[in-house]
Amino acid sequence: MQGRQRWIKAALIASVTLNLLVAGVVAGGMLGRDRFDGRAPQAGDMMLGPLGAAFSRQDRAEMRQDAERIGVDLGTMRNSLRTDVETLISLVEADPWNPDAVQAHLTQMRARGDQRARLGEQVMLQRLGAMSAQERHDYAARLRLKMAHFERHRRDDGGAE
């Protein structure tokens, strides 16, 4: 019985650690510097990462307008992410440690992240659909460059090769 409890505790710790890593990647991508074109992340990026960065500035502005037209408050969305991360930091620093509270908060963060990703996909598809064939080819070429840049940096930062 005691061995099983240790296994469950280890599995819980591994699960929380993995969830924290995922949350850190999402939060870092939204709050940190965008490595894909040297600008701060914009609300209109909506979790698109290099996919969003490959759009022109004008396309990204129009995507933000499209999101606002369908009723999305991008400022509130950005502030919500910031609040989520601050809450997560508080939960991680709490003593005593409460893995159930951290897990519940990570689940809420994932749901909001999924919502941002779905919104991003929707406006991205609309934008691509409004482009000519040449504009889509140009976008694809920029996306290839962004991904090559990302891969180089990932290797330089010690990521898996």
N, C-alpha and C. Protein backbone atom coordinates (compact mmCIF):
# COMPACT_ATOMS: atom_id res chain seq x y z
N MET A 1 0.82 -1.19 0.00
CA MET A 1 0.00 0.00 0.00
C MET A 1 0.87 1.26 0.00
N GLN A 2 1.93 1.25 0.81
CA GLN A 2 2.79 2.41 0.91
C GLN A 2 3.49 2.68 -0.43
N GLY A 3 3.89 1.64 -1.13
CA GLY A 3 4.52 1.80 -2.44
C GLY A 3 3.56 2.43 -3.44
N ARG A 4 2.29 2.05 -3.35
CA ARG A 4 1.28 2.62 -4.25
C ARG A 4 1.09 4.11 -3.96
N GLN A 5 1.10 4.49 -2.69
CA GLN A 5 0.95 5.89 -2.34
C GLN A 5 2.12 6.71 -2.89
N ARG A 6 3.32 6.16 -2.81
CA ARG A 6 4.48 6.86 -3.37
C ARG A 6 4.34 7.02 -4.88
N TRP A 7 3.85 5.97 -5.54
CA TRP A 7 3.66 6.03 -6.99
C TRP A 7 2.63 7.09 -7.35
N ILE A 8 1.54 7.14 -6.61
CA ILE A 8 0.49 8.14 -6.87
C ILE A 8 1.04 9.55 -6.63
N LYS A 9 1.80 9.72 -5.56
CA LYS A 9 2.39 11.02 -5.27
C LYS A 9 3.36 11.43 -6.38
N ALA A 10 4.18 10.50 -6.84
CA ALA A 10 5.12 10.79 -7.92
C ALA A 10 4.38 11.14 -9.21
N ALA A 11 3.31 10.42 -9.50
CA ALA A 11 2.52 10.70 -10.70
C ALA A 11 1.87 12.08 -10.61
N LEU A 12 1.38 12.43 -9.43
CA LEU A 12 0.77 13.74 -9.24
C LEU A 12 1.80 14.85 -9.42
N ILE A 13 2.97 14.68 -8.85
CA ILE A 13 4.04 15.67 -8.99
C ILE A 13 4.44 15.80 -10.45
N ALA A 14 4.57 14.68 -11.15
CA ALA A 14 4.93 14.73 -12.58
C ALA A 14 3.84 15.43 -13.39
N SER A 15 2.58 15.16 -13.07
CA SER A 15 1.47 15.80 -13.77
C SER A 15 1.46 17.30 -13.55
N VAL A 16 1.62 17.71 -12.31
CA VAL A 16 1.64 19.15 -12.00
C VAL A 16 2.82 19.82 -12.68
N THR A 17 3.98 19.16 -12.65
CA THR A 17 5.17 19.72 -13.30
C THR A 17 4.94 19.90 -14.79
N LEU A 18 4.38 18.90 -15.44
CA LEU A 18 4.09 18.99 -16.87
C LEU A 18 3.10 20.12 -17.16
N ASN A 19 2.06 20.21 -16.33
CA ASN A 19 1.08 21.28 -16.52
C ASN A 19 1.71 22.66 -16.34
N LEU A 20 2.61 22.79 -15.37
CA LEU A 20 3.30 24.07 -15.16
C LEU A 20 4.18 24.41 -16.37
N LEU A 21 4.82 23.41 -16.93
CA LEU A 21 5.64 23.65 -18.11
C LEU A 21 4.79 24.14 -19.28
N VAL A 22 3.65 23.50 -19.49
CA VAL A 22 2.75 23.91 -20.56
C VAL A 22 2.25 25.33 -20.31
N ALA A 23 1.83 25.61 -19.08
CA ALA A 23 1.36 26.95 -18.75
C ALA A 23 2.46 27.98 -18.95
N GLY A 24 3.68 27.61 -18.59
CA GLY A 24 4.82 28.52 -18.77
C GLY A 24 5.08 28.83 -20.23
N VAL A 25 4.97 27.82 -21.07
CA VAL A 25 5.17 28.04 -22.51
C VAL A 25 4.09 28.97 -23.05
N VAL A 26 2.85 28.72 -22.68
CA VAL A 26 1.75 29.56 -23.15
C VAL A 26 1.92 30.99 -22.63
N ALA A 27 2.16 31.12 -21.34
CA ALA A 27 2.29 32.46 -20.75
C ALA A 27 3.51 33.18 -21.31
N GLY A 28 4.61 32.46 -21.44
CA GLY A 28 5.81 33.08 -21.98
C GLY A 28 5.61 33.56 -23.40
N GLY A 29 4.90 32.78 -24.18
CA GLY A 29 4.62 33.19 -25.55
C GLY A 29 3.74 34.42 -25.63
N MET A 30 2.82 34.56 -24.70
CA MET A 30 1.91 35.70 -24.72
C MET A 30 2.51 36.94 -24.04
N LEU A 31 3.27 36.75 -22.98
CA LEU A 31 3.75 37.89 -22.20
C LEU A 31 5.17 38.30 -22.54
N GLY A 32 5.95 37.39 -23.11
CA GLY A 32 7.34 37.69 -23.41
C GLY A 32 7.50 38.36 -24.76
N ARG A 33 8.71 38.51 -25.18
CA ARG A 33 8.99 39.08 -26.50
C ARG A 33 8.71 38.03 -27.56
N ASP A 34 8.08 38.45 -28.63
CA ASP A 34 7.79 37.52 -29.72
C ASP A 34 9.08 37.29 -30.50
N ARG A 35 9.56 36.07 -30.50
CA ARG A 35 10.83 35.75 -31.14
C ARG A 35 10.72 35.70 -32.65
N PHE A 36 9.52 35.75 -33.18
CA PHE A 36 9.35 35.55 -34.60
C PHE A 36 9.56 36.81 -35.41
N ASP A 37 9.31 38.00 -34.84
CA ASP A 37 9.59 39.21 -35.60
C ASP A 37 10.05 40.37 -34.72
N GLY A 38 10.47 40.09 -33.50
CA GLY A 38 11.07 41.09 -32.64
C GLY A 38 10.10 42.10 -32.06
N ARG A 39 8.82 41.87 -32.14
CA ARG A 39 7.86 42.80 -31.58
C ARG A 39 7.19 42.16 -30.37
N ALA A 40 6.61 42.99 -29.53
CA ALA A 40 5.85 42.46 -28.40
C ALA A 40 4.62 41.76 -28.94
N PRO A 41 4.16 40.70 -28.28
CA PRO A 41 2.96 40.03 -28.76
C PRO A 41 1.78 41.00 -28.80
N GLN A 42 0.97 40.85 -29.79
CA GLN A 42 -0.21 41.69 -29.94
C GLN A 42 -1.44 40.88 -29.58
N ALA A 43 -2.46 41.58 -29.10
CA ALA A 43 -3.69 40.89 -28.74
C ALA A 43 -4.25 40.10 -29.92
N GLY A 44 -4.05 40.60 -31.12
CA GLY A 44 -4.58 39.94 -32.31
C GLY A 44 -3.87 38.65 -32.65
N ASP A 45 -2.75 38.35 -31.99
CA ASP A 45 -2.04 37.11 -32.27
C ASP A 45 -2.85 35.90 -31.83
N MET A 46 -3.66 36.04 -30.82
CA MET A 46 -4.61 35.02 -30.37
C MET A 46 -4.04 33.62 -30.40
N MET A 47 -2.86 33.47 -29.84
CA MET A 47 -2.25 32.15 -29.68
C MET A 47 -1.81 31.51 -31.00
N LEU A 48 -1.49 32.31 -31.98
CA LEU A 48 -1.08 31.75 -33.27
C LEU A 48 0.42 31.59 -33.40
N GLY A 49 1.21 32.22 -32.53
CA GLY A 49 2.66 32.08 -32.58
C GLY A 49 3.22 32.41 -33.96
N PRO A 50 4.06 31.53 -34.52
CA PRO A 50 4.67 31.82 -35.82
C PRO A 50 3.63 31.90 -36.94
N LEU A 51 2.49 31.24 -36.77
CA LEU A 51 1.44 31.33 -37.79
C LEU A 51 0.93 32.75 -37.90
N GLY A 52 0.75 33.40 -36.76
CA GLY A 52 0.29 34.79 -36.75
C GLY A 52 1.39 35.75 -37.17
N ALA A 53 2.62 35.47 -36.74
CA ALA A 53 3.74 36.36 -37.05
C ALA A 53 4.04 36.40 -38.55
N ALA A 54 3.67 35.38 -39.29
CA ALA A 54 3.94 35.34 -40.73
C ALA A 54 2.97 36.23 -41.52
N PHE A 55 1.89 36.67 -40.87
CA PHE A 55 0.99 37.61 -41.53
C PHE A 55 1.63 39.00 -41.53
N SER A 56 1.26 39.82 -42.49
CA SER A 56 1.75 41.20 -42.53
C SER A 56 1.14 41.97 -41.37
N ARG A 57 1.73 43.13 -41.07
CA ARG A 57 1.17 43.99 -40.02
C ARG A 57 -0.28 44.35 -40.34
N GLN A 58 -0.53 44.66 -41.60
CA GLN A 58 -1.89 45.02 -42.00
C GLN A 58 -2.84 43.84 -41.79
N ASP A 59 -2.41 42.63 -42.17
CA ASP A 59 -3.25 41.45 -41.96
C ASP A 59 -3.54 41.25 -40.48
N ARG A 60 -2.51 41.39 -39.64
CA ARG A 60 -2.71 41.21 -38.19
C ARG A 60 -3.69 42.26 -37.65
N ALA A 61 -3.57 43.50 -38.13
CA ALA A 61 -4.50 44.55 -37.69
C ALA A 61 -5.92 44.20 -38.11
N GLU A 62 -6.08 43.73 -39.31
CA GLU A 62 -7.41 43.35 -39.79
C GLU A 62 -7.95 42.13 -39.03
N MET A 63 -7.06 41.22 -38.65
CA MET A 63 -7.50 40.07 -37.86
C MET A 63 -7.99 40.53 -36.49
N ARG A 64 -7.30 41.51 -35.89
CA ARG A 64 -7.76 42.05 -34.60
C ARG A 64 -9.15 42.69 -34.77
N GLN A 65 -9.32 43.43 -35.87
CA GLN A 65 -10.62 44.06 -36.13
C GLN A 65 -11.70 43.00 -36.34
N ASP A 66 -11.36 41.92 -37.05
CA ASP A 66 -12.31 40.83 -37.26
C ASP A 66 -12.73 40.23 -35.92
N ALA A 67 -11.77 40.02 -35.03
CA ALA A 67 -12.08 39.45 -33.72
C ALA A 67 -12.99 40.40 -32.93
N GLU A 68 -12.69 41.69 -32.99
CA GLU A 68 -13.52 42.66 -32.27
C GLU A 68 -14.92 42.74 -32.86
N ARG A 69 -15.03 42.58 -34.18
CA ARG A 69 -16.34 42.61 -34.84
C ARG A 69 -17.23 41.46 -34.36
N ILE A 70 -16.63 40.32 -34.05
CA ILE A 70 -17.45 39.19 -33.59
C ILE A 70 -17.65 39.23 -32.07
N GLY A 71 -17.24 40.34 -31.46
CA GLY A 71 -17.55 40.55 -30.06
C GLY A 71 -16.49 40.16 -29.06
N VAL A 72 -15.27 39.96 -29.51
CA VAL A 72 -14.20 39.57 -28.60
C VAL A 72 -13.49 40.83 -28.11
N ASP A 73 -13.37 40.97 -26.79
CA ASP A 73 -12.64 42.08 -26.20
C ASP A 73 -11.20 41.61 -25.98
N LEU A 74 -10.32 41.96 -26.90
CA LEU A 74 -8.94 41.46 -26.85
C LEU A 74 -8.18 42.01 -25.65
N GLY A 75 -8.47 43.23 -25.24
CA GLY A 75 -7.81 43.78 -24.05
C GLY A 75 -8.16 42.98 -22.80
N THR A 76 -9.43 42.64 -22.67
CA THR A 76 -9.87 41.83 -21.53
C THR A 76 -9.22 40.45 -21.59
N MET A 77 -9.12 39.90 -22.80
CA MET A 77 -8.50 38.59 -22.97
C MET A 77 -7.04 38.63 -22.52
N ARG A 78 -6.32 39.67 -22.91
CA ARG A 78 -4.92 39.81 -22.53
C ARG A 78 -4.78 40.01 -21.02
N ASN A 79 -5.65 40.84 -20.44
CA ASN A 79 -5.60 41.07 -18.99
C ASN A 79 -5.94 39.80 -18.22
N SER A 80 -6.84 39.01 -18.75
CA SER A 80 -7.21 37.75 -18.12
C SER A 80 -6.01 36.80 -18.06
N LEU A 81 -5.24 36.76 -19.14
CA LEU A 81 -4.05 35.91 -19.15
C LEU A 81 -3.05 36.39 -18.10
N ARG A 82 -2.85 37.68 -18.04
CA ARG A 82 -1.92 38.24 -17.06
C ARG A 82 -2.36 37.88 -15.64
N THR A 83 -3.66 38.02 -15.35
CA THR A 83 -4.21 37.68 -14.04
C THR A 83 -4.04 36.19 -13.76
N ASP A 84 -4.30 35.36 -14.79
CA ASP A 84 -4.12 33.91 -14.63
C ASP A 84 -2.70 33.56 -14.21
N VAL A 85 -1.74 34.19 -14.85
CA VAL A 85 -0.33 33.89 -14.55
C VAL A 85 0.01 34.37 -13.14
N GLU A 86 -0.47 35.55 -12.77
CA GLU A 86 -0.21 36.06 -11.42
C GLU A 86 -0.81 35.12 -10.37
N THR A 87 -2.02 34.64 -10.63
CA THR A 87 -2.66 33.70 -9.71
C THR A 87 -1.86 32.40 -9.64
N LEU A 88 -1.41 31.91 -10.78
CA LEU A 88 -0.61 30.69 -10.80
C LEU A 88 0.66 30.87 -9.97
N ILE A 89 1.32 31.99 -10.13
CA ILE A 89 2.55 32.26 -9.36
C ILE A 89 2.24 32.21 -7.87
N SER A 90 1.14 32.84 -7.46
CA SER A 90 0.75 32.82 -6.05
C SER A 90 0.49 31.40 -5.55
N LEU A 91 -0.19 30.62 -6.37
CA LEU A 91 -0.48 29.24 -5.98
C LEU A 91 0.79 28.40 -5.88
N VAL A 92 1.73 28.61 -6.79
CA VAL A 92 2.98 27.86 -6.77
C VAL A 92 3.81 28.22 -5.54
N GLU A 93 3.77 29.49 -5.15
CA GLU A 93 4.54 29.95 -3.99
C GLU A 93 3.87 29.65 -2.65
N ALA A 94 2.61 29.25 -2.68
CA ALA A 94 1.85 29.06 -1.44
C ALA A 94 2.48 27.99 -0.55
N ASP A 95 2.42 28.25 0.74
CA ASP A 95 2.86 27.27 1.74
C ASP A 95 1.78 27.20 2.78
N PRO A 96 1.09 26.11 2.90
CA PRO A 96 1.44 24.81 2.34
C PRO A 96 1.05 24.69 0.86
N TRP A 97 1.78 23.82 0.20
CA TRP A 97 1.57 23.51 -1.22
C TRP A 97 0.22 22.83 -1.38
N ASN A 98 -0.57 23.32 -2.36
CA ASN A 98 -1.89 22.75 -2.61
C ASN A 98 -1.98 22.34 -4.08
N PRO A 99 -1.58 21.10 -4.39
CA PRO A 99 -1.59 20.68 -5.80
C PRO A 99 -2.99 20.67 -6.42
N ASP A 100 -4.02 20.45 -5.61
CA ASP A 100 -5.38 20.46 -6.16
C ASP A 100 -5.77 21.85 -6.65
N ALA A 101 -5.39 22.89 -5.91
CA ALA A 101 -5.69 24.27 -6.33
C ALA A 101 -4.91 24.61 -7.60
N VAL A 102 -3.66 24.18 -7.66
CA VAL A 102 -2.86 24.44 -8.87
C VAL A 102 -3.47 23.73 -10.06
N GLN A 103 -3.84 22.47 -9.87
CA GLN A 103 -4.44 21.70 -10.97
C GLN A 103 -5.73 22.35 -11.45
N ALA A 104 -6.58 22.79 -10.52
CA ALA A 104 -7.84 23.42 -10.90
C ALA A 104 -7.58 24.71 -11.68
N HIS A 105 -6.60 25.48 -11.24
CA HIS A 105 -6.30 26.73 -11.94
C HIS A 105 -5.71 26.46 -13.33
N LEU A 106 -4.83 25.46 -13.43
CA LEU A 106 -4.27 25.12 -14.74
C LEU A 106 -5.36 24.65 -15.70
N THR A 107 -6.34 23.94 -15.19
CA THR A 107 -7.46 23.50 -16.02
C THR A 107 -8.23 24.70 -16.55
N GLN A 108 -8.47 25.70 -15.68
CA GLN A 108 -9.15 26.92 -16.12
C GLN A 108 -8.31 27.67 -17.16
N MET A 109 -7.00 27.74 -16.93
CA MET A 109 -6.12 28.42 -17.88
C MET A 109 -6.15 27.72 -19.24
N ARG A 110 -6.13 26.39 -19.21
CA ARG A 110 -6.16 25.63 -20.47
C ARG A 110 -7.45 25.91 -21.23
N ALA A 111 -8.58 26.00 -20.52
CA ALA A 111 -9.86 26.27 -21.17
C ALA A 111 -9.84 27.65 -21.84
N ARG A 112 -9.29 28.64 -21.15
CA ARG A 112 -9.21 29.98 -21.75
C ARG A 112 -8.21 29.99 -22.90
N GLY A 113 -7.12 29.25 -22.78
CA GLY A 113 -6.16 29.14 -23.88
C GLY A 113 -6.78 28.48 -25.10
N ASP A 114 -7.59 27.45 -24.87
CA ASP A 114 -8.30 26.79 -25.97
C ASP A 114 -9.23 27.78 -26.66
N GLN A 115 -9.90 28.61 -25.87
CA GLN A 115 -10.80 29.61 -26.44
C GLN A 115 -10.02 30.60 -27.31
N ARG A 116 -8.86 31.06 -26.82
CA ARG A 116 -8.04 31.98 -27.62
C ARG A 116 -7.56 31.31 -28.90
N ALA A 117 -7.16 30.04 -28.80
CA ALA A 117 -6.68 29.32 -29.98
C ALA A 117 -7.80 29.16 -31.00
N ARG A 118 -9.01 28.83 -30.54
CA ARG A 118 -10.14 28.69 -31.48
C ARG A 118 -10.44 30.02 -32.18
N LEU A 119 -10.40 31.10 -31.42
CA LEU A 119 -10.61 32.41 -32.01
C LEU A 119 -9.52 32.70 -33.04
N GLY A 120 -8.28 32.41 -32.68
CA GLY A 120 -7.17 32.63 -33.61
C GLY A 120 -7.35 31.84 -34.89
N GLU A 121 -7.75 30.60 -34.76
CA GLU A 121 -7.98 29.78 -35.95
C GLU A 121 -9.08 30.37 -36.82
N GLN A 122 -10.14 30.85 -36.19
CA GLN A 122 -11.27 31.40 -36.93
C GLN A 122 -10.86 32.63 -37.73
N VAL A 123 -10.18 33.58 -37.08
CA VAL A 123 -9.82 34.80 -37.81
C VAL A 123 -8.71 34.52 -38.82
N MET A 124 -7.83 33.55 -38.52
CA MET A 124 -6.79 33.19 -39.47
C MET A 124 -7.41 32.59 -40.74
N LEU A 125 -8.36 31.71 -40.56
CA LEU A 125 -9.02 31.09 -41.72
C LEU A 125 -9.76 32.15 -42.54
N GLN A 126 -10.42 33.09 -41.86
CA GLN A 126 -11.10 34.17 -42.58
C GLN A 126 -10.09 35.00 -43.38
N ARG A 127 -8.97 35.32 -42.76
CA ARG A 127 -7.95 36.15 -43.43
C ARG A 127 -7.39 35.42 -44.63
N LEU A 128 -7.04 34.14 -44.45
CA LEU A 128 -6.49 33.36 -45.57
C LEU A 128 -7.51 33.25 -46.70
N GLY A 129 -8.78 33.09 -46.34
CA GLY A 129 -9.83 32.98 -47.35
C GLY A 129 -10.03 34.26 -48.14
N ALA A 130 -9.68 35.39 -47.54
CA ALA A 130 -9.84 36.68 -48.23
C ALA A 130 -8.64 37.01 -49.11
N MET A 131 -7.58 36.20 -49.03
CA MET A 131 -6.35 36.48 -49.81
C MET A 131 -6.45 35.87 -51.21
N SER A 132 -5.70 36.49 -52.10
CA SER A 132 -5.56 35.91 -53.44
C SER A 132 -4.60 34.72 -53.33
N ALA A 133 -4.53 33.94 -54.40
CA ALA A 133 -3.60 32.80 -54.41
C ALA A 133 -2.16 33.28 -54.20
N GLN A 134 -1.78 34.40 -54.82
CA GLN A 134 -0.42 34.92 -54.67
C GLN A 134 -0.17 35.36 -53.23
N GLU A 135 -1.14 36.01 -52.62
CA GLU A 135 -0.98 36.45 -51.23
C GLU A 135 -0.83 35.24 -50.30
N ARG A 136 -1.57 34.17 -50.57
CA ARG A 136 -1.42 32.95 -49.75
C ARG A 136 -0.05 32.33 -49.95
N HIS A 137 0.46 32.34 -51.18
CA HIS A 137 1.82 31.82 -51.45
C HIS A 137 2.86 32.66 -50.73
N ASP A 138 2.68 33.99 -50.74
CA ASP A 138 3.60 34.88 -50.03
C ASP A 138 3.57 34.60 -48.53
N TYR A 139 2.35 34.40 -48.00
CA TYR A 139 2.21 34.07 -46.59
C TYR A 139 2.95 32.76 -46.28
N ALA A 140 2.75 31.76 -47.13
CA ALA A 140 3.40 30.46 -46.91
C ALA A 140 4.92 30.61 -46.93
N ALA A 141 5.44 31.44 -47.80
CA ALA A 141 6.90 31.66 -47.86
C ALA A 141 7.39 32.32 -46.57
N ARG A 142 6.64 33.32 -46.07
CA ARG A 142 7.03 33.96 -44.80
C ARG A 142 6.95 32.97 -43.65
N LEU A 143 5.94 32.11 -43.69
CA LEU A 143 5.79 31.12 -42.62
C LEU A 143 6.97 30.14 -42.63
N ARG A 144 7.42 29.73 -43.81
CA ARG A 144 8.61 28.86 -43.89
C ARG A 144 9.82 29.54 -43.23
N LEU A 145 10.00 30.83 -43.52
CA LEU A 145 11.11 31.57 -42.92
C LEU A 145 10.97 31.68 -41.41
N LYS A 146 9.77 31.97 -40.93
CA LYS A 146 9.53 32.07 -39.48
C LYS A 146 9.85 30.74 -38.80
N MET A 147 9.42 29.65 -39.40
CA MET A 147 9.65 28.33 -38.80
C MET A 147 11.13 27.97 -38.82
N ALA A 148 11.84 28.32 -39.89
CA ALA A 148 13.28 28.06 -39.94
C ALA A 148 13.99 28.88 -38.86
N HIS A 149 13.57 30.12 -38.69
CA HIS A 149 14.12 30.99 -37.64
C HIS A 149 13.84 30.39 -36.26
N PHE A 150 12.62 29.94 -36.06
CA PHE A 150 12.23 29.31 -34.79
C PHE A 150 13.07 28.07 -34.51
N GLU A 151 13.26 27.23 -35.51
CA GLU A 151 14.05 26.00 -35.33
C GLU A 151 15.50 26.33 -34.99
N ARG A 152 16.07 27.32 -35.65
CA ARG A 152 17.46 27.72 -35.32
C ARG A 152 17.56 28.17 -33.88
N HIS A 153 16.63 29.00 -33.44
CA HIS A 153 16.66 29.49 -32.06
C HIS A 153 16.41 28.37 -31.06
N ARG A 154 15.55 27.46 -31.40
CA ARG A 154 15.27 26.34 -30.51
C ARG A 154 16.54 25.52 -30.29
N ARG A 155 17.28 25.27 -31.36
CA ARG A 155 18.54 24.52 -31.23
C ARG A 155 19.56 25.33 -30.46
N ASP A 156 19.63 26.64 -30.74
CA ASP A 156 20.60 27.50 -30.04
C ASP A 156 20.31 27.58 -28.55
N ASP A 157 19.02 27.48 -28.19
CA ASP A 157 18.62 27.57 -26.78
C ASP A 157 18.70 26.23 -26.07
N GLY A 158 19.22 25.22 -26.73
CA GLY A 158 19.37 23.91 -26.09
C GLY A 158 18.16 23.01 -26.25
N GLY A 159 17.25 23.37 -27.16
CA GLY A 159 16.08 22.52 -27.40
C GLY A 159 16.49 21.25 -28.11
N ALA A 160 15.56 20.34 -28.19
CA ALA A 160 15.83 19.07 -28.87
C ALA A 160 16.16 19.31 -30.32
N GLU A 161 17.05 18.53 -30.84
CA GLU A 161 17.43 18.70 -32.24
C GLU A 161 16.73 17.74 -33.14
